[in-house]
N, C-alpha and C. Protein backbone atom coordinates (compact mmCIF):
# COMPACT_ATOMS: atom_id res chain seq x y z
N MET A 1 62.27 -38.22 27.63
CA MET A 1 61.09 -37.22 27.05
C MET A 1 59.82 -37.45 27.24
N ASP A 2 59.87 -38.25 27.57
CA ASP A 2 57.90 -39.08 28.10
C ASP A 2 57.31 -37.88 29.18
N GLN A 3 59.13 -38.27 30.44
CA GLN A 3 58.97 -37.62 32.01
C GLN A 3 59.21 -36.85 32.00
N PHE A 4 59.32 -35.65 31.21
CA PHE A 4 59.08 -34.09 31.02
C PHE A 4 58.73 -33.54 29.90
N ASP A 5 58.33 -34.20 28.82
CA ASP A 5 56.79 -33.96 28.23
C ASP A 5 58.33 -33.34 27.11
N LEU A 6 58.98 -33.45 26.45
CA LEU A 6 60.09 -32.85 25.88
C LEU A 6 59.74 -33.40 24.09
N GLN A 7 59.78 -32.37 23.68
CA GLN A 7 59.90 -32.82 21.80
C GLN A 7 60.84 -33.47 21.50
N ALA A 8 61.62 -34.28 20.79
CA ALA A 8 62.99 -34.72 20.17
C ALA A 8 63.33 -33.78 20.15
N ASN A 9 62.93 -32.70 18.54
CA ASN A 9 63.82 -31.56 17.84
C ASN A 9 63.66 -30.72 18.95
N ARG A 10 63.71 -30.50 20.36
CA ARG A 10 64.51 -29.55 20.57
C ARG A 10 65.20 -30.37 21.29
N ILE A 11 66.29 -31.70 21.47
CA ILE A 11 66.56 -31.93 21.93
C ILE A 11 68.65 -32.20 21.24
N SER A 12 69.41 -31.23 21.52
CA SER A 12 70.80 -31.76 20.55
C SER A 12 71.94 -32.64 21.90
N ILE A 13 72.16 -33.99 20.81
CA ILE A 13 73.58 -34.26 21.85
C ILE A 13 74.64 -34.82 20.82
N GLU A 14 75.83 -34.15 21.56
CA GLU A 14 77.00 -33.87 21.07
C GLU A 14 77.35 -35.10 21.41
N VAL A 15 78.32 -35.69 19.73
CA VAL A 15 79.10 -36.61 20.05
C VAL A 15 80.37 -37.04 19.80
N LEU A 16 81.37 -37.49 19.71
CA LEU A 16 83.25 -37.17 19.20
C LEU A 16 82.50 -38.20 18.19
N GLU A 17 83.42 -37.62 16.87
CA GLU A 17 83.82 -38.57 16.08
C GLU A 17 84.02 -39.96 15.72
N ASN A 18 84.76 -39.94 16.73
CA ASN A 18 85.22 -41.36 16.86
C ASN A 18 84.35 -42.49 16.96
N VAL A 19 83.12 -41.68 18.41
CA VAL A 19 82.27 -42.96 18.61
C VAL A 19 81.59 -42.49 17.23
N VAL A 20 81.42 -41.51 16.08
CA VAL A 20 80.16 -42.62 14.88
C VAL A 20 80.85 -43.26 13.89
N ILE A 21 82.90 -42.83 13.99
CA ILE A 21 83.83 -43.89 12.73
C ILE A 21 83.68 -45.24 13.46
N GLN A 22 83.03 -45.47 14.67
CA GLN A 22 82.64 -47.21 15.26
C GLN A 22 82.83 -48.31 14.44
N ASN A 23 82.81 -49.52 14.98
CA ASN A 23 82.03 -50.53 14.45
C ASN A 23 80.56 -49.91 13.91
N ALA A 24 79.84 -50.22 12.89
CA ALA A 24 78.23 -50.44 13.14
C ALA A 24 77.59 -49.91 14.07
N ALA A 25 77.97 -51.34 14.76
CA ALA A 25 77.13 -53.20 15.21
C ALA A 25 77.28 -51.89 17.12
N SER A 26 78.25 -51.10 17.19
CA SER A 26 78.49 -50.92 18.28
C SER A 26 77.34 -50.17 19.36
N PRO A 27 77.11 -50.58 19.99
CA PRO A 27 75.26 -49.80 21.41
C PRO A 27 75.83 -48.75 21.17
N MET A 28 77.06 -47.79 21.55
CA MET A 28 76.60 -46.74 20.98
C MET A 28 76.29 -45.79 20.03
N ARG A 29 76.68 -46.40 18.76
CA ARG A 29 76.37 -46.16 17.64
C ARG A 29 74.66 -46.20 17.37
N HIS A 30 74.37 -47.45 17.99
CA HIS A 30 72.76 -47.60 17.82
C HIS A 30 71.94 -46.72 18.83
N SER A 31 72.60 -46.20 19.70
CA SER A 31 71.63 -45.50 20.71
C SER A 31 71.74 -44.02 19.80
N ILE A 32 72.62 -44.03 19.49
CA ILE A 32 72.03 -42.60 18.38
C ILE A 32 72.25 -42.76 17.19
N LYS A 33 71.35 -43.99 16.63
CA LYS A 33 70.61 -43.88 15.86
C LYS A 33 69.34 -43.86 15.89
N SER A 34 69.44 -44.52 16.88
CA SER A 34 67.79 -44.43 17.77
C SER A 34 66.84 -43.00 18.15
N LEU A 35 68.39 -41.97 18.64
CA LEU A 35 67.28 -41.06 18.54
C LEU A 35 67.73 -39.89 17.43
N ALA A 36 68.30 -40.52 16.22
CA ALA A 36 68.36 -39.18 15.67
C ALA A 36 66.21 -39.72 14.40
N LYS A 37 66.82 -41.20 14.51
CA LYS A 37 64.89 -41.23 13.77
C LYS A 37 63.72 -40.92 14.96
N LEU A 38 64.05 -40.45 16.20
CA LEU A 38 63.51 -39.68 16.80
C LEU A 38 63.68 -37.94 16.31
N ARG A 39 64.50 -37.87 15.84
CA ARG A 39 64.77 -36.17 15.54
C ARG A 39 64.89 -35.55 15.75
N CYS A 40 65.67 -36.21 17.46
CA CYS A 40 66.91 -35.57 18.39
C CYS A 40 67.65 -34.70 17.03
N HIS A 41 68.44 -33.72 17.12
CA HIS A 41 69.79 -32.99 16.75
C HIS A 41 71.13 -33.75 17.32
N ILE A 42 72.29 -33.91 16.23
CA ILE A 42 73.26 -35.26 17.08
C ILE A 42 73.98 -34.31 16.00
N ASP A 43 74.72 -33.10 16.57
CA ASP A 43 76.48 -32.70 16.27
C ASP A 43 76.98 -33.32 17.00
N LEU A 44 78.37 -33.47 15.86
CA LEU A 44 79.72 -33.97 15.77
C LEU A 44 80.62 -32.92 16.51
N ASP A 45 81.00 -33.71 17.59
CA ASP A 45 82.45 -32.72 17.74
C ASP A 45 83.89 -33.05 17.31
N ASP A 46 85.31 -31.91 18.29
CA ASP A 46 86.08 -32.55 18.64
C ASP A 46 86.91 -32.62 16.92
N PHE A 47 86.31 -32.13 16.17
CA PHE A 47 87.23 -31.46 14.95
C PHE A 47 88.47 -30.82 15.16
N GLY A 48 88.67 -30.26 16.14
CA GLY A 48 89.97 -29.37 16.48
C GLY A 48 90.87 -30.41 16.51
N THR A 49 91.08 -31.42 16.65
CA THR A 49 92.67 -32.39 17.39
C THR A 49 93.24 -32.96 16.51
N ALA A 50 92.85 -31.82 14.83
CA ALA A 50 93.77 -32.27 14.04
C ALA A 50 93.93 -33.94 13.63
N GLN A 51 93.34 -34.48 13.65
CA GLN A 51 92.98 -36.19 13.44
C GLN A 51 91.17 -36.35 12.70
N ASN A 52 91.32 -35.33 11.79
CA ASN A 52 90.01 -35.15 11.28
C ASN A 52 89.75 -36.78 10.48
N PRO A 53 89.08 -37.56 10.46
CA PRO A 53 88.27 -38.57 9.81
C PRO A 53 87.34 -37.80 8.52
N PHE A 54 87.30 -37.34 7.91
CA PHE A 54 85.82 -37.50 6.88
C PHE A 54 86.37 -38.17 6.65
N ASN A 55 86.83 -39.27 5.67
CA ASN A 55 86.39 -40.11 4.86
C ASN A 55 85.88 -41.60 5.69
N PRO A 56 86.15 -41.76 6.85
CA PRO A 56 85.47 -42.46 7.31
C PRO A 56 83.96 -42.48 7.87
N LEU A 57 84.62 -40.98 8.10
CA LEU A 57 83.00 -40.54 8.11
C LEU A 57 81.94 -40.88 7.37
N ARG A 58 82.18 -40.55 6.04
CA ARG A 58 81.82 -40.30 4.32
C ARG A 58 80.95 -42.49 4.81
C-alpha cells in the first residue's frame, strides 16, 4: 500500500470461507485479521458449493 500510495479502504481481498474457519492460529487467518484491522475489505466467497459452513463462521 505504501509503495503505490493506496488507501486500505480501496483494497478488497476475496477469501474462501474454508480459510476463515481454519484454526485461529493459522498464518493465513492472522494475515486476514491484520488486513481487516487496516480497514481493507474482506469478502467471503465460495458459498455456491452447497457446503455452506454458516455455524463455524459464527
